[in-house]
């Protein structure tokens, strides 16, 4: 396998045009984030959307209902648990990158252990190949020995953290980093999910984004055949890198537009909820209540009273009043009573 940086001319007109558009879009997204009073609420929703999309690429399919019940109750379904693990890995990776100021092989391995705890650490045993799931034809033979894998990962780590290795825009580097990580395929399983987390962590580290709120998984999921075609073309012909980079830059632009639209919709839903709850439930209305209701899809008495600092009985009365007026949807799961945010539920169905 070729180490980074690749000796390919990326100063092409088509690439520079796509790069200019992507940088404009990402600048607009950062501007929208700066105007939000509480960006953490948006982050919570979008990380779950990303976790769901990224897992679907690996045929781990679940629903937002199952995901939120998994967060609230723990171990509802295996698929939902894997999606929640992905979200946990993303947020843990963000903390590691912020605390350390770099992205290392050890950090990627730590993220991977959360994403897929069953597949083990970096591959030590040869024999791994990437197959066409339908024809079983070999598409790619990644490096086989642990020594070679670690050598390539050390090169990747240096490329990620040392701007002097290649003086080019971080969006282009993100695309090349993603390709290289997936081609190294350092783990027995979970490489795709770990690699997609790496994408966003690198954009935060390189200060392209102030929060990890842009996710390419939705774009990749919608264009899955094109994505895998680009990866395969590059492995056979290095000139394919140019078209792959354009594809990834177009993905950044598309997902910036999607995320901005999602933020606008969520902001409107919060404003609508605030107005209606203040009108119909004036005695229990507070801005803190609105912020809490939109932080998570589901709640229960224990979480509700803890977040708002109220008693069990008061929490029960508030939840019943919100449910009676249509702001929450009551749902029985075993012995538990859960309450679903009707506004957020409607919004996430459009994801």
C-alpha atoms as a PDB file:
ATOM      1  CA  UNK A   1       0.000   0.000   0.000  1.00  0.00           C
ATOM      2  CA  UNK A   2       1.138   3.536  -0.789  1.00  0.00           C
ATOM      3  CA  UNK A   3       1.792   5.803   2.172  1.00  0.00           C
ATOM      4  CA  UNK A   4       0.512   9.357   2.530  1.00  0.00           C
ATOM      5  CA  UNK A   5       0.875  11.893   1.020  1.00  0.00           C
ATOM      6  CA  UNK A   6      -0.159  10.539  -2.374  1.00  0.00           C
ATOM      7  CA  UNK A   7       1.765  11.892  -5.332  1.00  0.00           C
ATOM      8  CA  UNK A   8      -1.342  13.069  -7.189  1.00  0.00           C
ATOM      9  CA  UNK A   9      -2.076  16.542  -8.556  1.00  0.00           C
ATOM     10  CA  UNK A  10      -5.178  17.782  -6.744  1.00  0.00           C
ATOM     11  CA  UNK A  11      -4.956  21.379  -7.977  1.00  0.00           C
ATOM     12  CA  UNK A  12      -7.528  20.674 -10.654  1.00  0.00           C
ATOM     13  CA  UNK A  13     -10.243  23.154 -11.668  1.00  0.00           C
ATOM     14  CA  UNK A  14     -13.096  20.775 -10.829  1.00  0.00           C
ATOM     15  CA  UNK A  15     -11.623  19.998  -7.403  1.00  0.00           C
ATOM     16  CA  UNK A  16     -11.010  23.651  -6.595  1.00  0.00           C
ATOM     17  CA  UNK A  17     -14.578  24.550  -7.605  1.00  0.00           C
ATOM     18  CA  UNK A  18     -16.032  21.799  -5.401  1.00  0.00           C
ATOM     19  CA  UNK A  19     -13.694  22.840  -2.577  1.00  0.00           C
ATOM     20  CA  UNK A  20     -14.765  26.473  -2.787  1.00  0.00           C
ATOM     21  CA  UNK A  21     -18.445  25.523  -2.560  1.00  0.00           C
ATOM     22  CA  UNK A  22     -17.803  23.130   0.342  1.00  0.00           C
ATOM     23  CA  UNK A  23     -15.856  25.756   2.302  1.00  0.00           C
ATOM     24  CA  UNK A  24     -18.611  28.316   1.756  1.00  0.00           C
ATOM     25  CA  UNK A  25     -21.234  25.846   2.989  1.00  0.00           C
ATOM     26  CA  UNK A  26     -19.223  24.820   6.042  1.00  0.00           C
ATOM     27  CA  UNK A  27     -18.651  28.491   6.865  1.00  0.00           C
ATOM     28  CA  UNK A  28     -22.403  29.062   6.699  1.00  0.00           C
ATOM     29  CA  UNK A  29     -23.004  26.070   8.999  1.00  0.00           C
ATOM     30  CA  UNK A  30     -20.510  27.391  11.546  1.00  0.00           C
ATOM     31  CA  UNK A  31     -22.294  30.753  11.400  1.00  0.00           C
ATOM     32  CA  UNK A  32     -25.651  29.126  12.156  1.00  0.00           C
ATOM     33  CA  UNK A  33     -24.097  27.247  15.101  1.00  0.00           C
ATOM     34  CA  UNK A  34     -22.744  30.465  16.594  1.00  0.00           C
ATOM     35  CA  UNK A  35     -26.258  31.931  16.665  1.00  0.00           C
ATOM     36  CA  UNK A  36     -27.750  29.026  18.625  1.00  0.00           C
ATOM     37  CA  UNK A  37     -28.339  29.659  22.348  1.00  0.00           C
ATOM     38  CA  UNK A  38     -27.722  25.985  23.150  1.00  0.00           C
ATOM     39  CA  UNK A  39     -25.898  24.079  20.363  1.00  0.00           C
ATOM     40  CA  UNK A  40     -25.712  20.972  22.581  1.00  0.00           C
ATOM     41  CA  UNK A  41     -29.381  20.228  21.898  1.00  0.00           C
ATOM     42  CA  UNK A  42     -28.778  20.161  18.149  1.00  0.00           C
ATOM     43  CA  UNK A  43     -25.647  18.065  18.691  1.00  0.00           C
ATOM     44  CA  UNK A  44     -27.624  15.429  20.613  1.00  0.00           C
ATOM     45  CA  UNK A  45     -30.165  15.033  17.820  1.00  0.00           C
ATOM     46  CA  UNK A  46     -27.668  15.051  14.963  1.00  0.00           C
ATOM     47  CA  UNK A  47     -25.253  12.584  16.573  1.00  0.00           C
ATOM     48  CA  UNK A  48     -28.126  10.124  16.819  1.00  0.00           C
ATOM     49  CA  UNK A  49     -29.083  10.688  13.195  1.00  0.00           C
ATOM     50  CA  UNK A  50     -25.469  10.128  12.172  1.00  0.00           C
ATOM     51  CA  UNK A  51     -25.182   7.003  14.313  1.00  0.00           C
ATOM     52  CA  UNK A  52     -28.298   5.560  12.697  1.00  0.00           C
ATOM     53  CA  UNK A  53     -27.143   6.358   9.129  1.00  0.00           C
ATOM     54  CA  UNK A  54     -23.585   5.109   9.661  1.00  0.00           C
ATOM     55  CA  UNK A  55     -24.839   1.853  11.126  1.00  0.00           C
ATOM     56  CA  UNK A  56     -27.261   1.357   8.226  1.00  0.00           C
ATOM     57  CA  UNK A  57     -24.311   1.420   5.813  1.00  0.00           C
ATOM     58  CA  UNK A  58     -23.175  -1.750   7.634  1.00  0.00           C
ATOM     59  CA  UNK A  59     -26.728  -3.192   7.433  1.00  0.00           C
ATOM     60  CA  UNK A  60     -27.403  -2.489  11.117  1.00  0.00           C
ATOM     61  CA  UNK A  61     -30.957  -1.226  10.740  1.00  0.00           C
ATOM     62  CA  UNK A  62     -33.120   0.133  13.542  1.00  0.00           C
ATOM     63  CA  UNK A  63     -35.616   2.920  14.226  1.00  0.00           C
ATOM     64  CA  UNK A  64     -35.391   6.139  16.211  1.00  0.00           C
ATOM     65  CA  UNK A  65     -38.004   4.695  18.580  1.00  0.00           C
ATOM     66  CA  UNK A  66     -35.752   1.729  19.365  1.00  0.00           C
ATOM     67  CA  UNK A  67     -32.668   3.944  19.652  1.00  0.00           C
ATOM     68  CA  UNK A  68     -34.256   6.310  22.150  1.00  0.00           C
ATOM     69  CA  UNK A  69     -35.748   3.452  24.151  1.00  0.00           C
ATOM     70  CA  UNK A  70     -32.266   1.913  24.265  1.00  0.00           C
ATOM     71  CA  UNK A  71     -30.898   5.152  25.715  1.00  0.00           C
ATOM     72  CA  UNK A  72     -33.707   5.298  28.258  1.00  0.00           C
ATOM     73  CA  UNK A  73     -34.065   1.634  29.217  1.00  0.00           C
ATOM     74  CA  UNK A  74     -30.814  -0.075  28.033  1.00  0.00           C
ATOM     75  CA  UNK A  75     -30.679  -3.254  25.917  1.00  0.00           C
ATOM     76  CA  UNK A  76     -33.949  -3.019  24.013  1.00  0.00           C
ATOM     77  CA  UNK A  77     -32.543  -4.459  20.757  1.00  0.00           C
ATOM     78  CA  UNK A  78     -29.062  -5.445  19.597  1.00  0.00           C
ATOM     79  CA  UNK A  79     -29.221  -3.100  16.585  1.00  0.00           C
ATOM     80  CA  UNK A  80     -30.285  -0.129  18.706  1.00  0.00           C
ATOM     81  CA  UNK A  81     -27.503  -0.902  21.180  1.00  0.00           C
ATOM     82  CA  UNK A  82     -24.919  -0.816  18.366  1.00  0.00           C
ATOM     83  CA  UNK A  83     -26.219   2.545  17.185  1.00  0.00           C
ATOM     84  CA  UNK A  84     -26.064   3.958  20.713  1.00  0.00           C
ATOM     85  CA  UNK A  85     -22.505   2.586  21.036  1.00  0.00           C
ATOM     86  CA  UNK A  86     -21.577   4.499  17.884  1.00  0.00           C
ATOM     87  CA  UNK A  87     -22.916   7.718  19.361  1.00  0.00           C
ATOM     88  CA  UNK A  88     -21.051   7.055  22.612  1.00  0.00           C
ATOM     89  CA  UNK A  89     -17.844   6.424  20.659  1.00  0.00           C
ATOM     90  CA  UNK A  90     -18.268   9.686  18.752  1.00  0.00           C
ATOM     91  CA  UNK A  91     -18.743  11.781  21.881  1.00  0.00           C
ATOM     92  CA  UNK A  92     -15.928   9.995  23.715  1.00  0.00           C
ATOM     93  CA  UNK A  93     -13.646  10.512  20.708  1.00  0.00           C
ATOM     94  CA  UNK A  94     -14.491  14.207  20.700  1.00  0.00           C
ATOM     95  CA  UNK A  95     -13.463  14.472  24.352  1.00  0.00           C
ATOM     96  CA  UNK A  96     -10.197  12.624  23.686  1.00  0.00           C
ATOM     97  CA  UNK A  97      -9.321  14.870  20.756  1.00  0.00           C
ATOM     98  CA  UNK A  98     -10.135  18.034  22.712  1.00  0.00           C
ATOM     99  CA  UNK A  99      -8.175  16.847  25.743  1.00  0.00           C
ATOM    100  CA  UNK A 100      -5.128  15.684  23.781  1.00  0.00           C
ATOM    101  CA  UNK A 101      -5.112  18.038  20.795  1.00  0.00           C
ATOM    102  CA  UNK A 102      -4.347  15.256  18.307  1.00  0.00           C
ATOM    103  CA  UNK A 103      -5.721  12.049  16.803  1.00  0.00           C
ATOM    104  CA  UNK A 104      -3.534   9.002  17.426  1.00  0.00           C
ATOM    105  CA  UNK A 105      -3.658   5.303  16.620  1.00  0.00           C
ATOM    106  CA  UNK A 106      -4.391   4.659  20.302  1.00  0.00           C
ATOM    107  CA  UNK A 107      -7.339   7.074  20.221  1.00  0.00           C
ATOM    108  CA  UNK A 108      -8.731   5.367  17.109  1.00  0.00           C
ATOM    109  CA  UNK A 109      -8.331   1.972  18.808  1.00  0.00           C
ATOM    110  CA  UNK A 110     -10.147   3.291  21.885  1.00  0.00           C
ATOM    111  CA  UNK A 111     -12.994   4.618  19.740  1.00  0.00           C
ATOM    112  CA  UNK A 112     -13.160   1.293  17.905  1.00  0.00           C
ATOM    113  CA  UNK A 113     -13.462  -0.662  21.167  1.00  0.00           C
ATOM    114  CA  UNK A 114     -16.672   1.266  21.900  1.00  0.00           C
ATOM    115  CA  UNK A 115     -17.991   0.899  18.352  1.00  0.00           C
ATOM    116  CA  UNK A 116     -17.323  -2.839  18.179  1.00  0.00           C
ATOM    117  CA  UNK A 117     -16.043  -4.414  21.376  1.00  0.00           C
ATOM    118  CA  UNK A 118     -16.307  -7.952  19.979  1.00  0.00           C
ATOM    119  CA  UNK A 119     -13.919  -7.718  17.024  1.00  0.00           C
ATOM    120  CA  UNK A 120     -10.739  -7.166  19.009  1.00  0.00           C
ATOM    121  CA  UNK A 121      -7.821  -4.797  18.587  1.00  0.00           C
ATOM    122  CA  UNK A 122      -5.605  -4.210  15.545  1.00  0.00           C
ATOM    123  CA  UNK A 123      -5.413  -7.309  13.342  1.00  0.00           C
ATOM    124  CA  UNK A 124      -2.597  -9.721  14.152  1.00  0.00           C
ATOM    125  CA  UNK A 125      -3.600 -12.751  12.078  1.00  0.00           C
ATOM    126  CA  UNK A 126      -3.345 -12.644   8.233  1.00  0.00           C
ATOM    127  CA  UNK A 127      -6.133 -13.704   5.915  1.00  0.00           C
ATOM    128  CA  UNK A 128      -8.437 -10.658   5.901  1.00  0.00           C
ATOM    129  CA  UNK A 129      -9.867  -9.687   2.510  1.00  0.00           C
ATOM    130  CA  UNK A 130     -12.708  -7.381   1.488  1.00  0.00           C
ATOM    131  CA  UNK A 131     -15.290  -9.203  -0.621  1.00  0.00           C
ATOM    132  CA  UNK A 132     -18.173  -8.261  -2.852  1.00  0.00           C
ATOM    133  CA  UNK A 133     -21.071  -9.317  -0.629  1.00  0.00           C
ATOM    134  CA  UNK A 134     -23.048 -10.650  -3.628  1.00  0.00           C
ATOM    135  CA  UNK A 135     -20.427 -12.302  -5.858  1.00  0.00           C
ATOM    136  CA  UNK A 136     -17.840 -13.012  -3.107  1.00  0.00           C
ATOM    137  CA  UNK A 137     -15.139 -11.703  -5.452  1.00  0.00           C
ATOM    138  CA  UNK A 138     -12.111 -10.192  -3.685  1.00  0.00           C
ATOM    139  CA  UNK A 139     -12.280  -6.406  -3.980  1.00  0.00           C
ATOM    140  CA  UNK A 140      -9.319  -5.463  -1.804  1.00  0.00           C
ATOM    141  CA  UNK A 141      -6.590  -7.223   0.144  1.00  0.00           C
ATOM    142  CA  UNK A 142      -5.525  -4.901   2.969  1.00  0.00           C
ATOM    143  CA  UNK A 143      -2.084  -5.177   4.619  1.00  0.00           C
ATOM    144  CA  UNK A 144      -1.819  -8.521   6.373  1.00  0.00           C
ATOM    145  CA  UNK A 145       0.869  -8.314   9.039  1.00  0.00           C
ATOM    146  CA  UNK A 146       0.445  -6.390  12.266  1.00  0.00           C
ATOM    147  CA  UNK A 147       3.824  -4.760  11.644  1.00  0.00           C
ATOM    148  CA  UNK A 148       2.744  -3.375   8.258  1.00  0.00           C
ATOM    149  CA  UNK A 149      -0.653  -2.262   9.612  1.00  0.00           C
ATOM    150  CA  UNK A 150       0.963  -0.371  12.478  1.00  0.00           C
ATOM    151  CA  UNK A 151       3.545   1.168  10.137  1.00  0.00           C
ATOM    152  CA  UNK A 152       0.772   2.475   7.846  1.00  0.00           C
ATOM    153  CA  UNK A 153      -1.229   3.715  10.840  1.00  0.00           C
ATOM    154  CA  UNK A 154       1.847   5.571  12.120  1.00  0.00           C
ATOM    155  CA  UNK A 155       2.136   7.240   8.718  1.00  0.00           C
ATOM    156  CA  UNK A 156      -1.592   8.093   8.809  1.00  0.00           C
ATOM    157  CA  UNK A 157      -1.263   9.494  12.336  1.00  0.00           C
ATOM    158  CA  UNK A 158       1.622  11.710  11.211  1.00  0.00           C
ATOM    159  CA  UNK A 159      -0.373  12.886   8.186  1.00  0.00           C
ATOM    160  CA  UNK A 160      -3.393  13.744  10.352  1.00  0.00           C
ATOM    161  CA  UNK A 161      -1.456  15.734  12.921  1.00  0.00           C
ATOM    162  CA  UNK A 162       1.384  17.251  10.895  1.00  0.00           C
ATOM    163  CA  UNK A 163       0.166  19.919   8.427  1.00  0.00           C
ATOM    164  CA  UNK A 164       3.622  20.116   6.892  1.00  0.00           C
ATOM    165  CA  UNK A 165       3.287  16.645   5.357  1.00  0.00           C
ATOM    166  CA  UNK A 166       0.874  18.049   2.763  1.00  0.00           C
ATOM    167  CA  UNK A 167      -0.058  21.681   2.464  1.00  0.00           C
ATOM    168  CA  UNK A 168      -3.632  21.382   1.274  1.00  0.00           C
ATOM    169  CA  UNK A 169      -7.115  22.204   2.541  1.00  0.00           C
ATOM    170  CA  UNK A 170      -8.383  20.131   5.479  1.00  0.00           C
ATOM    171  CA  UNK A 171     -11.485  19.068   3.545  1.00  0.00           C
ATOM    172  CA  UNK A 172      -9.303  17.438   0.898  1.00  0.00           C
ATOM    173  CA  UNK A 173      -7.125  15.871   3.591  1.00  0.00           C
ATOM    174  CA  UNK A 174     -10.220  14.513   5.325  1.00  0.00           C
ATOM    175  CA  UNK A 175     -11.175  12.666   2.132  1.00  0.00           C
ATOM    176  CA  UNK A 176      -7.669  11.208   1.746  1.00  0.00           C
ATOM    177  CA  UNK A 177      -7.475  10.243   5.430  1.00  0.00           C
ATOM    178  CA  UNK A 178     -10.795   8.425   5.138  1.00  0.00           C
ATOM    179  CA  UNK A 179      -9.693   6.491   2.052  1.00  0.00           C
ATOM    180  CA  UNK A 180      -6.386   5.507   3.644  1.00  0.00           C
ATOM    181  CA  UNK A 181      -7.952   4.348   6.906  1.00  0.00           C
ATOM    182  CA  UNK A 182     -10.535   2.221   5.091  1.00  0.00           C
ATOM    183  CA  UNK A 183      -7.838   0.729   2.860  1.00  0.00           C
ATOM    184  CA  UNK A 184      -5.613  -0.150   5.819  1.00  0.00           C
ATOM    185  CA  UNK A 185      -8.678  -1.827   7.371  1.00  0.00           C
ATOM    186  CA  UNK A 186      -6.860  -2.175  10.703  1.00  0.00           C
ATOM    187  CA  UNK A 187      -9.586  -4.046  12.599  1.00  0.00           C
ATOM    188  CA  UNK A 188     -11.442  -7.266  11.880  1.00  0.00           C
ATOM    189  CA  UNK A 189     -14.763  -5.396  11.916  1.00  0.00           C
ATOM    190  CA  UNK A 190     -16.088  -1.902  12.619  1.00  0.00           C
ATOM    191  CA  UNK A 191     -13.642  -0.157  10.255  1.00  0.00           C
ATOM    192  CA  UNK A 192     -16.336   1.714   8.339  1.00  0.00           C
ATOM    193  CA  UNK A 193     -17.994   3.107  11.442  1.00  0.00           C
ATOM    194  CA  UNK A 194     -14.676   4.019  13.057  1.00  0.00           C
ATOM    195  CA  UNK A 195     -13.499   5.654   9.834  1.00  0.00           C
ATOM    196  CA  UNK A 196     -16.630   7.787   9.595  1.00  0.00           C
ATOM    197  CA  UNK A 197     -16.124   8.972  13.169  1.00  0.00           C
ATOM    198  CA  UNK A 198     -12.543   9.847  12.187  1.00  0.00           C
ATOM    199  CA  UNK A 199     -13.927  12.109   9.438  1.00  0.00           C
ATOM    200  CA  UNK A 200     -15.761  14.409  11.806  1.00  0.00           C
ATOM    201  CA  UNK A 201     -13.115  14.351  14.537  1.00  0.00           C
ATOM    202  CA  UNK A 202     -10.529  15.481  12.004  1.00  0.00           C
ATOM    203  CA  UNK A 203     -12.731  18.379  10.858  1.00  0.00           C
ATOM    204  CA  UNK A 204     -13.101  19.512  14.479  1.00  0.00           C
ATOM    205  CA  UNK A 205      -9.391  19.101  15.178  1.00  0.00           C
ATOM    206  CA  UNK A 206      -8.477  21.080  12.061  1.00  0.00           C
ATOM    207  CA  UNK A 207     -10.970  23.784  13.134  1.00  0.00           C
ATOM    208  CA  UNK A 208     -13.156  23.424  10.074  1.00  0.00           C
ATOM    209  CA  UNK A 209     -16.065  22.917  12.473  1.00  0.00           C
ATOM    210  CA  UNK A 210     -16.656  24.228  15.972  1.00  0.00           C
ATOM    211  CA  UNK A 211     -18.800  21.184  16.854  1.00  0.00           C
ATOM    212  CA  UNK A 212     -18.967  17.657  15.388  1.00  0.00           C
ATOM    213  CA  UNK A 213     -22.235  18.394  13.685  1.00  0.00           C
ATOM    214  CA  UNK A 214     -21.582  17.544  10.026  1.00  0.00           C
ATOM    215  CA  UNK A 215     -21.902  13.901   9.117  1.00  0.00           C
ATOM    216  CA  UNK A 216     -21.221  12.284   5.772  1.00  0.00           C
ATOM    217  CA  UNK A 217     -22.897   8.980   6.631  1.00  0.00           C
ATOM    218  CA  UNK A 218     -26.287  10.126   5.347  1.00  0.00           C
ATOM    219  CA  UNK A 219     -24.687  11.168   2.046  1.00  0.00           C
ATOM    220  CA  UNK A 220     -22.689   7.928   1.790  1.00  0.00           C
ATOM    221  CA  UNK A 221     -25.799   5.900   2.611  1.00  0.00           C
ATOM    222  CA  UNK A 222     -27.766   7.658  -0.129  1.00  0.00           C
ATOM    223  CA  UNK A 223     -24.935   7.154  -2.673  1.00  0.00           C
ATOM    224  CA  UNK A 224     -23.556   3.859  -1.397  1.00  0.00           C
ATOM    225  CA  UNK A 225     -22.866   2.324  -4.814  1.00  0.00           C
ATOM    226  CA  UNK A 226     -20.990   5.432  -5.955  1.00  0.00           C
ATOM    227  CA  UNK A 227     -18.996   5.545  -2.710  1.00  0.00           C
ATOM    228  CA  UNK A 228     -17.772   1.954  -2.992  1.00  0.00           C
ATOM    229  CA  UNK A 229     -17.129   2.412  -6.713  1.00  0.00           C
ATOM    230  CA  UNK A 230     -14.831   5.375  -5.992  1.00  0.00           C
ATOM    231  CA  UNK A 231     -12.887   3.439  -3.352  1.00  0.00           C
ATOM    232  CA  UNK A 232     -12.444   0.492  -5.694  1.00  0.00           C
ATOM    233  CA  UNK A 233     -11.428   2.662  -8.659  1.00  0.00           C
ATOM    234  CA  UNK A 234      -8.769   4.389  -6.567  1.00  0.00           C
ATOM    235  CA  UNK A 235      -7.247   1.076  -5.521  1.00  0.00           C
ATOM    236  CA  UNK A 236      -6.916   0.071  -9.168  1.00  0.00           C
ATOM    237  CA  UNK A 237      -5.941   3.454 -10.622  1.00  0.00           C
ATOM    238  CA  UNK A 238      -4.486   6.331  -8.548  1.00  0.00           C
ATOM    239  CA  UNK A 239      -5.953   8.946 -10.921  1.00  0.00           C
ATOM    240  CA  UNK A 240      -9.355   7.945  -9.516  1.00  0.00           C
ATOM    241  CA  UNK A 241      -8.410   9.922  -6.399  1.00  0.00           C
ATOM    242  CA  UNK A 242      -9.419  13.142  -8.114  1.00  0.00           C
ATOM    243  CA  UNK A 243     -13.000  12.033  -8.754  1.00  0.00           C
ATOM    244  CA  UNK A 244     -13.247  10.549  -5.261  1.00  0.00           C
ATOM    245  CA  UNK A 245     -12.146  13.840  -3.689  1.00  0.00           C
ATOM    246  CA  UNK A 246     -14.799  15.714  -5.693  1.00  0.00           C
ATOM    247  CA  UNK A 247     -17.390  13.162  -4.545  1.00  0.00           C
ATOM    248  CA  UNK A 248     -16.450  13.727  -0.894  1.00  0.00           C
ATOM    249  CA  UNK A 249     -16.399  17.526  -1.250  1.00  0.00           C
ATOM    250  CA  UNK A 250     -19.854  17.392  -2.836  1.00  0.00           C
ATOM    251  CA  UNK A 251     -20.913  15.319   0.180  1.00  0.00           C
ATOM    252  CA  UNK A 252     -19.666  17.997   2.559  1.00  0.00           C
ATOM    253  CA  UNK A 253     -21.680  20.638   0.696  1.00  0.00           C
ATOM    254  CA  UNK A 254     -24.818  18.493   0.586  1.00  0.00           C
ATOM    255  CA  UNK A 255     -24.664  17.626   4.273  1.00  0.00           C
ATOM    256  CA  UNK A 256     -23.974  21.221   5.301  1.00  0.00           C
ATOM    257  CA  UNK A 257     -27.182  22.204   3.481  1.00  0.00           C
ATOM    258  CA  UNK A 258     -29.073  19.328   5.120  1.00  0.00           C
ATOM    259  CA  UNK A 259     -27.761  20.182   8.588  1.00  0.00           C
ATOM    260  CA  UNK A 260     -28.579  23.877   8.250  1.00  0.00           C
ATOM    261  CA  UNK A 261     -32.106  22.928   7.168  1.00  0.00           C
ATOM    262  CA  UNK A 262     -32.441  20.512  10.083  1.00  0.00           C
ATOM    263  CA  UNK A 263     -31.280  23.158  12.576  1.00  0.00           C
ATOM    264  CA  UNK A 264     -33.819  25.636  11.197  1.00  0.00           C
ATOM    265  CA  UNK A 265     -36.631  23.070  11.485  1.00  0.00           C
ATOM    266  CA  UNK A 266     -35.640  22.101  15.009  1.00  0.00           C
ATOM    267  CA  UNK A 267     -35.422  25.736  16.076  1.00  0.00           C
ATOM    268  CA  UNK A 268     -38.941  26.334  14.737  1.00  0.00           C
ATOM    269  CA  UNK A 269     -40.249  23.247  16.526  1.00  0.00           C
ATOM    270  CA  UNK A 270     -38.733  24.464  19.800  1.00  0.00           C
ATOM    271  CA  UNK A 271     -40.254  27.916  19.328  1.00  0.00           C
ATOM    272  CA  UNK A 272     -43.651  26.353  18.560  1.00  0.00           C
ATOM    273  CA  UNK A 273     -43.423  24.061  21.601  1.00  0.00           C
ATOM    274  CA  UNK A 274     -42.434  26.954  23.843  1.00  0.00           C
ATOM    275  CA  UNK A 275     -45.347  29.079  22.644  1.00  0.00           C
ATOM    276  CA  UNK A 276     -47.926  26.297  22.978  1.00  0.00           C
ATOM    277  CA  UNK A 277     -46.731  24.998  26.358  1.00  0.00           C
ATOM    278  CA  UNK A 278     -46.634  28.539  27.766  1.00  0.00           C
ATOM    279  CA  UNK A 279     -50.251  29.002  26.589  1.00  0.00           C
ATOM    280  CA  UNK A 280     -51.712  25.621  27.593  1.00  0.00           C
ATOM    281  CA  UNK A 281     -49.556  24.773  30.634  1.00  0.00           C
ATOM    282  CA  UNK A 282     -48.574  28.170  32.068  1.00  0.00           C
ATOM    283  CA  UNK A 283     -48.080  26.892  35.619  1.00  0.00           C
ATOM    284  CA  UNK A 284     -45.376  24.407  34.641  1.00  0.00           C
ATOM    285  CA  UNK A 285     -43.816  26.309  31.745  1.00  0.00           C
ATOM    286  CA  UNK A 286     -40.152  27.299  31.933  1.00  0.00           C
ATOM    287  CA  UNK A 287     -37.417  27.726  29.350  1.00  0.00           C
ATOM    288  CA  UNK A 288     -35.439  24.992  31.131  1.00  0.00           C
ATOM    289  CA  UNK A 289     -38.373  22.640  30.559  1.00  0.00           C
ATOM    290  CA  UNK A 290     -38.275  23.297  26.800  1.00  0.00           C
ATOM    291  CA  UNK A 291     -34.517  22.753  26.653  1.00  0.00           C
ATOM    292  CA  UNK A 292     -34.845  19.489  28.548  1.00  0.00           C
ATOM    293  CA  UNK A 293     -37.700  18.151  26.427  1.00  0.00           C
ATOM    294  CA  UNK A 294     -35.688  18.698  23.238  1.00  0.00           C
ATOM    295  CA  UNK A 295     -32.484  17.235  24.612  1.00  0.00           C
ATOM    296  CA  UNK A 296     -33.759  13.666  24.342  1.00  0.00           C
ATOM    297  CA  UNK A 297     -36.518  11.912  22.446  1.00  0.00           C
ATOM    298  CA  UNK A 298     -37.858   9.983  25.450  1.00  0.00           C
ATOM    299  CA  UNK A 299     -37.974  10.719  29.164  1.00  0.00           C
ATOM    300  CA  UNK A 300     -39.299   9.072  32.306  1.00  0.00           C
ATOM    301  CA  UNK A 301     -40.109  10.293  35.796  1.00  0.00           C
ATOM    302  CA  UNK A 302     -36.638   9.561  37.161  1.00  0.00           C
ATOM    303  CA  UNK A 303     -34.856  11.554  34.415  1.00  0.00           C
ATOM    304  CA  UNK A 304     -37.463  14.324  34.352  1.00  0.00           C
ATOM    305  CA  UNK A 305     -37.376  15.100  38.049  1.00  0.00           C
ATOM    306  CA  UNK A 306     -33.581  14.873  38.167  1.00  0.00           C
ATOM    307  CA  UNK A 307     -33.137  17.307  35.276  1.00  0.00           C
ATOM    308  CA  UNK A 308     -35.604  19.881  36.639  1.00  0.00           C
ATOM    309  CA  UNK A 309     -34.911  19.430  40.364  1.00  0.00           C
ATOM    310  CA  UNK A 310     -38.464  18.558  41.363  1.00  0.00           C
ATOM    311  CA  UNK A 311     -40.088  15.801  43.440  1.00  0.00           C
ATOM    312  CA  UNK A 312     -41.434  12.513  42.088  1.00  0.00           C
ATOM    313  CA  UNK A 313     -45.051  13.601  42.635  1.00  0.00           C
ATOM    314  CA  UNK A 314     -44.508  16.982  40.995  1.00  0.00           C
ATOM    315  CA  UNK A 315     -42.769  15.292  38.070  1.00  0.00           C
ATOM    316  CA  UNK A 316     -45.675  12.867  37.671  1.00  0.00           C
ATOM    317  CA  UNK A 317     -48.174  15.737  37.652  1.00  0.00           C
ATOM    318  CA  UNK A 318     -46.143  17.734  35.104  1.00  0.00           C
ATOM    319  CA  UNK A 319     -45.676  14.731  32.799  1.00  0.00           C
ATOM    320  CA  UNK A 320     -49.395  13.937  32.925  1.00  0.00           C
ATOM    321  CA  UNK A 321     -50.314  17.536  32.119  1.00  0.00           C
ATOM    322  CA  UNK A 322     -47.902  17.646  29.175  1.00  0.00           C
ATOM    323  CA  UNK A 323     -49.272  14.310  27.950  1.00  0.00           C
ATOM    324  CA  UNK A 324     -52.897  15.444  28.334  1.00  0.00           C
ATOM    325  CA  UNK A 325     -52.205  18.499  26.176  1.00  0.00           C
ATOM    326  CA  UNK A 326     -50.500  16.478  23.434  1.00  0.00           C
ATOM    327  CA  UNK A 327     -46.903  17.582  24.030  1.00  0.00           C
ATOM    328  CA  UNK A 328     -45.788  14.156  25.235  1.00  0.00           C
ATOM    329  CA  UNK A 329     -46.896  10.694  24.135  1.00  0.00           C
ATOM    330  CA  UNK A 330     -47.158   8.142  26.941  1.00  0.00           C
ATOM    331  CA  UNK A 331     -45.828   4.682  26.192  1.00  0.00           C
ATOM    332  CA  UNK A 332     -45.637   1.556  28.359  1.00  0.00           C
ATOM    333  CA  UNK A 333     -42.537  -0.615  27.946  1.00  0.00           C
ATOM    334  CA  UNK A 334     -42.721  -3.499  30.379  1.00  0.00           C
ATOM    335  CA  UNK A 335     -43.089  -1.992  33.851  1.00  0.00           C
ATOM    336  CA  UNK A 336     -41.712   1.376  32.735  1.00  0.00           C
ATOM    337  CA  UNK A 337     -43.749   4.394  31.679  1.00  0.00           C
ATOM    338  CA  UNK A 338     -41.953   6.469  29.062  1.00  0.00           C
ATOM    339  CA  UNK A 339     -42.904   9.834  27.592  1.00  0.00           C
ATOM    340  CA  UNK A 340     -42.039  10.714  24.014  1.00  0.00           C
ATOM    341  CA  UNK A 341     -41.570  14.315  22.835  1.00  0.00           C
ATOM    342  CA  UNK A 342     -44.250  14.674  20.145  1.00  0.00           C
ATOM    343  CA  UNK A 343     -42.494  17.665  18.514  1.00  0.00           C
ATOM    344  CA  UNK A 344     -39.113  15.935  18.323  1.00  0.00           C
ATOM    345  CA  UNK A 345     -40.681  12.677  17.163  1.00  0.00           C
ATOM    346  CA  UNK A 346     -42.289  14.446  14.214  1.00  0.00           C
ATOM    347  CA  UNK A 347     -39.025  16.199  13.355  1.00  0.00           C
ATOM    348  CA  UNK A 348     -36.853  13.067  13.426  1.00  0.00           C
ATOM    349  CA  UNK A 349     -39.194  11.230  11.070  1.00  0.00           C
ATOM    350  CA  UNK A 350     -37.924  13.626   8.397  1.00  0.00           C
ATOM    351  CA  UNK A 351     -34.278  12.647   8.966  1.00  0.00           C
END
